């Protein structure tokens, strides 16, 4: 239990920090890719769609799972708080509230990673849809001529 107590914050915030870094990296990589992609040069719409949607699943997965990582940290923090209270036979309400408040910071961090990740994901999916629509419109125009 002491090991968990000592390293819980480092583990949870390390995982969430890594998730946040990956989400930011994917967002910037996709943003710059969309600005530079020559979608007119693709031979088939499915090849374009595969190229455009690369890494978006990672961003969605981070957005969906970051709150759970934070929640796991909170649950383990609450477990440690109750364990310490039980070991000390001390029912100090100040210690209980402090332990619970510190445990909740993991959930807040998970939500803080999830919200922008999902927002970036939705924006990038929208950009993918726009580029795909432009490609289809260009293909239709070329077929008409």
C-alpha atoms as a PDB file:
ATOM      1  CA  UNK A   1       0.000   0.000   0.000  1.00  0.00           C
ATOM      2  CA  UNK A   2       2.906   2.356   0.704  1.00  0.00           C
ATOM      3  CA  UNK A   3       4.197   1.861  -2.851  1.00  0.00           C
ATOM      4  CA  UNK A   4       0.792   2.780  -4.238  1.00  0.00           C
ATOM      5  CA  UNK A   5       0.558   5.755  -1.921  1.00  0.00           C
ATOM      6  CA  UNK A   6       4.006   6.983  -2.939  1.00  0.00           C
ATOM      7  CA  UNK A   7       3.714   6.596  -6.716  1.00  0.00           C
ATOM      8  CA  UNK A   8      -0.003   6.889  -7.543  1.00  0.00           C
ATOM      9  CA  UNK A   9       0.123  10.548  -8.552  1.00  0.00           C
ATOM     10  CA  UNK A  10       3.242  10.034 -10.661  1.00  0.00           C
ATOM     11  CA  UNK A  11       1.680   7.083 -12.463  1.00  0.00           C
ATOM     12  CA  UNK A  12      -1.721   8.647 -13.119  1.00  0.00           C
ATOM     13  CA  UNK A  13      -0.388  12.057 -14.113  1.00  0.00           C
ATOM     14  CA  UNK A  14       2.372  10.437 -16.142  1.00  0.00           C
ATOM     15  CA  UNK A  15      -0.168   8.443 -18.122  1.00  0.00           C
ATOM     16  CA  UNK A  16      -2.451  11.465 -18.539  1.00  0.00           C
ATOM     17  CA  UNK A  17       0.487  13.656 -19.526  1.00  0.00           C
ATOM     18  CA  UNK A  18       1.546  11.135 -22.139  1.00  0.00           C
ATOM     19  CA  UNK A  19      -2.006  10.945 -23.451  1.00  0.00           C
ATOM     20  CA  UNK A  20      -2.179  14.735 -23.618  1.00  0.00           C
ATOM     21  CA  UNK A  21       1.142  14.941 -25.463  1.00  0.00           C
ATOM     22  CA  UNK A  22       0.060  12.320 -28.004  1.00  0.00           C
ATOM     23  CA  UNK A  23      -3.292  14.065 -28.509  1.00  0.00           C
ATOM     24  CA  UNK A  24      -1.560  17.371 -29.121  1.00  0.00           C
ATOM     25  CA  UNK A  25       0.974  15.793 -31.471  1.00  0.00           C
ATOM     26  CA  UNK A  26      -1.760  14.062 -33.510  1.00  0.00           C
ATOM     27  CA  UNK A  27      -3.772  17.282 -33.677  1.00  0.00           C
ATOM     28  CA  UNK A  28      -0.850  19.343 -34.987  1.00  0.00           C
ATOM     29  CA  UNK A  29       0.296  16.602 -37.361  1.00  0.00           C
ATOM     30  CA  UNK A  30      -3.178  16.265 -38.882  1.00  0.00           C
ATOM     31  CA  UNK A  31      -3.696  20.027 -39.037  1.00  0.00           C
ATOM     32  CA  UNK A  32      -0.483  20.551 -40.997  1.00  0.00           C
ATOM     33  CA  UNK A  33      -1.176  17.501 -43.157  1.00  0.00           C
ATOM     34  CA  UNK A  34      -4.626  18.809 -44.103  1.00  0.00           C
ATOM     35  CA  UNK A  35      -3.118  22.161 -45.052  1.00  0.00           C
ATOM     36  CA  UNK A  36      -0.566  20.525 -47.357  1.00  0.00           C
ATOM     37  CA  UNK A  37      -2.406  17.510 -48.780  1.00  0.00           C
ATOM     38  CA  UNK A  38      -2.875  17.543 -52.540  1.00  0.00           C
ATOM     39  CA  UNK A  39      -6.223  15.777 -52.520  1.00  0.00           C
ATOM     40  CA  UNK A  40      -6.716  16.317 -56.261  1.00  0.00           C
ATOM     41  CA  UNK A  41      -3.847  13.892 -56.983  1.00  0.00           C
ATOM     42  CA  UNK A  42      -5.479  10.868 -55.354  1.00  0.00           C
ATOM     43  CA  UNK A  43      -6.733   8.204 -57.759  1.00  0.00           C
ATOM     44  CA  UNK A  44      -9.528   6.874 -55.585  1.00  0.00           C
ATOM     45  CA  UNK A  45     -11.712   8.405 -52.878  1.00  0.00           C
ATOM     46  CA  UNK A  46     -11.039   5.557 -50.459  1.00  0.00           C
ATOM     47  CA  UNK A  47      -7.278   6.101 -50.668  1.00  0.00           C
ATOM     48  CA  UNK A  48      -7.871   9.750 -49.864  1.00  0.00           C
ATOM     49  CA  UNK A  49     -10.157   8.893 -46.954  1.00  0.00           C
ATOM     50  CA  UNK A  50      -7.613   6.449 -45.517  1.00  0.00           C
ATOM     51  CA  UNK A  51      -4.912   9.093 -45.751  1.00  0.00           C
ATOM     52  CA  UNK A  52      -7.088  11.784 -44.188  1.00  0.00           C
ATOM     53  CA  UNK A  53      -8.357   9.695 -41.286  1.00  0.00           C
ATOM     54  CA  UNK A  54      -4.949   8.319 -40.249  1.00  0.00           C
ATOM     55  CA  UNK A  55      -4.345   8.763 -36.479  1.00  0.00           C
ATOM     56  CA  UNK A  56      -7.861  10.067 -35.783  1.00  0.00           C
ATOM     57  CA  UNK A  57      -8.754   6.853 -33.945  1.00  0.00           C
ATOM     58  CA  UNK A  58      -5.879   7.523 -31.557  1.00  0.00           C
ATOM     59  CA  UNK A  59      -7.221  10.998 -30.806  1.00  0.00           C
ATOM     60  CA  UNK A  60     -10.732   9.645 -30.258  1.00  0.00           C
ATOM     61  CA  UNK A  61      -9.443   6.872 -27.996  1.00  0.00           C
ATOM     62  CA  UNK A  62      -7.545   9.365 -25.850  1.00  0.00           C
ATOM     63  CA  UNK A  63     -10.605  11.593 -25.553  1.00  0.00           C
ATOM     64  CA  UNK A  64     -12.800   8.662 -24.597  1.00  0.00           C
ATOM     65  CA  UNK A  65     -10.426   7.060 -22.087  1.00  0.00           C
ATOM     66  CA  UNK A  66      -8.677   9.949 -20.317  1.00  0.00           C
ATOM     67  CA  UNK A  67     -11.591  10.418 -17.872  1.00  0.00           C
ATOM     68  CA  UNK A  68     -11.374   6.721 -16.967  1.00  0.00           C
ATOM     69  CA  UNK A  69      -7.660   6.979 -16.230  1.00  0.00           C
ATOM     70  CA  UNK A  70      -8.424   9.981 -14.030  1.00  0.00           C
ATOM     71  CA  UNK A  71     -11.279   8.141 -12.365  1.00  0.00           C
ATOM     72  CA  UNK A  72      -9.024   5.187 -11.641  1.00  0.00           C
ATOM     73  CA  UNK A  73      -6.591   7.583  -9.956  1.00  0.00           C
ATOM     74  CA  UNK A  74      -9.426   9.046  -7.919  1.00  0.00           C
ATOM     75  CA  UNK A  75     -10.724   5.655  -6.808  1.00  0.00           C
ATOM     76  CA  UNK A  76      -7.243   4.535  -5.807  1.00  0.00           C
ATOM     77  CA  UNK A  77      -6.684   7.847  -3.984  1.00  0.00           C
ATOM     78  CA  UNK A  78      -9.912   7.364  -2.041  1.00  0.00           C
ATOM     79  CA  UNK A  79      -8.890   3.790  -1.277  1.00  0.00           C
ATOM     80  CA  UNK A  80      -5.571   5.028   0.131  1.00  0.00           C
ATOM     81  CA  UNK A  81      -7.358   7.701   2.186  1.00  0.00           C
ATOM     82  CA  UNK A  82      -9.725   5.182   3.759  1.00  0.00           C
ATOM     83  CA  UNK A  83      -6.883   2.728   4.329  1.00  0.00           C
ATOM     84  CA  UNK A  84      -4.856   5.380   6.166  1.00  0.00           C
ATOM     85  CA  UNK A  85      -7.876   6.341   8.264  1.00  0.00           C
ATOM     86  CA  UNK A  86      -8.519   2.685   9.093  1.00  0.00           C
ATOM     87  CA  UNK A  87      -4.899   2.064  10.036  1.00  0.00           C
ATOM     88  CA  UNK A  88      -4.720   5.125  12.278  1.00  0.00           C
ATOM     89  CA  UNK A  89      -8.041   4.552  14.032  1.00  0.00           C
ATOM     90  CA  UNK A  90      -8.433   8.309  13.697  1.00  0.00           C
ATOM     91  CA  UNK A  91     -11.605   9.882  12.330  1.00  0.00           C
ATOM     92  CA  UNK A  92     -10.235  13.368  11.701  1.00  0.00           C
ATOM     93  CA  UNK A  93     -12.686  14.940   9.238  1.00  0.00           C
ATOM     94  CA  UNK A  94     -10.026  17.361   8.045  1.00  0.00           C
ATOM     95  CA  UNK A  95      -7.764  14.471   7.007  1.00  0.00           C
ATOM     96  CA  UNK A  96     -10.672  12.724   5.283  1.00  0.00           C
ATOM     97  CA  UNK A  97     -11.669  15.825   3.319  1.00  0.00           C
ATOM     98  CA  UNK A  98      -8.070  16.588   2.367  1.00  0.00           C
ATOM     99  CA  UNK A  99      -7.519  13.027   1.150  1.00  0.00           C
ATOM    100  CA  UNK A 100     -10.724  13.069  -0.890  1.00  0.00           C
ATOM    101  CA  UNK A 101      -9.975  16.490  -2.368  1.00  0.00           C
ATOM    102  CA  UNK A 102      -6.507  15.385  -3.436  1.00  0.00           C
ATOM    103  CA  UNK A 103      -7.934  12.197  -4.932  1.00  0.00           C
ATOM    104  CA  UNK A 104     -10.385  14.152  -7.092  1.00  0.00           C
ATOM    105  CA  UNK A 105      -7.607  16.041  -8.866  1.00  0.00           C
ATOM    106  CA  UNK A 106      -6.966  12.936 -10.991  1.00  0.00           C
ATOM    107  CA  UNK A 107     -10.524  12.999 -12.342  1.00  0.00           C
ATOM    108  CA  UNK A 108     -10.206  16.709 -13.074  1.00  0.00           C
ATOM    109  CA  UNK A 109      -6.973  16.085 -14.986  1.00  0.00           C
ATOM    110  CA  UNK A 110      -8.581  13.270 -16.986  1.00  0.00           C
ATOM    111  CA  UNK A 111     -11.473  15.505 -17.957  1.00  0.00           C
ATOM    112  CA  UNK A 112      -9.051  18.328 -18.802  1.00  0.00           C
ATOM    113  CA  UNK A 113      -7.317  15.999 -21.299  1.00  0.00           C
ATOM    114  CA  UNK A 114     -10.557  14.537 -22.687  1.00  0.00           C
ATOM    115  CA  UNK A 115     -12.444  17.735 -23.520  1.00  0.00           C
ATOM    116  CA  UNK A 116      -9.893  19.293 -25.895  1.00  0.00           C
ATOM    117  CA  UNK A 117      -9.086  15.880 -27.385  1.00  0.00           C
ATOM    118  CA  UNK A 118     -12.702  15.322 -28.370  1.00  0.00           C
ATOM    119  CA  UNK A 119     -13.019  18.910 -29.612  1.00  0.00           C
ATOM    120  CA  UNK A 120      -9.912  18.507 -31.791  1.00  0.00           C
ATOM    121  CA  UNK A 121     -11.149  15.118 -32.991  1.00  0.00           C
ATOM    122  CA  UNK A 122     -14.509  16.566 -34.036  1.00  0.00           C
ATOM    123  CA  UNK A 123     -12.847  19.466 -35.822  1.00  0.00           C
ATOM    124  CA  UNK A 124     -10.473  17.167 -37.686  1.00  0.00           C
ATOM    125  CA  UNK A 125     -13.278  14.794 -38.674  1.00  0.00           C
ATOM    126  CA  UNK A 126     -15.179  17.785 -40.038  1.00  0.00           C
ATOM    127  CA  UNK A 127     -12.130  18.843 -42.062  1.00  0.00           C
ATOM    128  CA  UNK A 128     -11.842  15.273 -43.376  1.00  0.00           C
ATOM    129  CA  UNK A 129     -15.497  15.374 -44.456  1.00  0.00           C
ATOM    130  CA  UNK A 130     -14.977  18.710 -46.233  1.00  0.00           C
ATOM    131  CA  UNK A 131     -11.924  17.493 -48.147  1.00  0.00           C
ATOM    132  CA  UNK A 132     -13.720  14.274 -49.109  1.00  0.00           C
ATOM    133  CA  UNK A 133     -16.713  16.302 -50.348  1.00  0.00           C
ATOM    134  CA  UNK A 134     -14.416  18.550 -52.379  1.00  0.00           C
ATOM    135  CA  UNK A 135     -12.788  15.468 -53.907  1.00  0.00           C
ATOM    136  CA  UNK A 136     -16.156  13.917 -54.824  1.00  0.00           C
ATOM    137  CA  UNK A 137     -17.336  17.210 -56.341  1.00  0.00           C
ATOM    138  CA  UNK A 138     -14.171  17.434 -58.427  1.00  0.00           C
ATOM    139  CA  UNK A 139     -14.626  13.847 -59.597  1.00  0.00           C
ATOM    140  CA  UNK A 140     -18.230  14.567 -60.584  1.00  0.00           C
ATOM    141  CA  UNK A 141     -17.177  17.643 -62.547  1.00  0.00           C
ATOM    142  CA  UNK A 142     -14.477  15.708 -64.360  1.00  0.00           C
ATOM    143  CA  UNK A 143     -16.969  12.960 -65.307  1.00  0.00           C
ATOM    144  CA  UNK A 144     -19.348  15.537 -66.749  1.00  0.00           C
ATOM    145  CA  UNK A 145     -16.717  16.920 -69.105  1.00  0.00           C
END
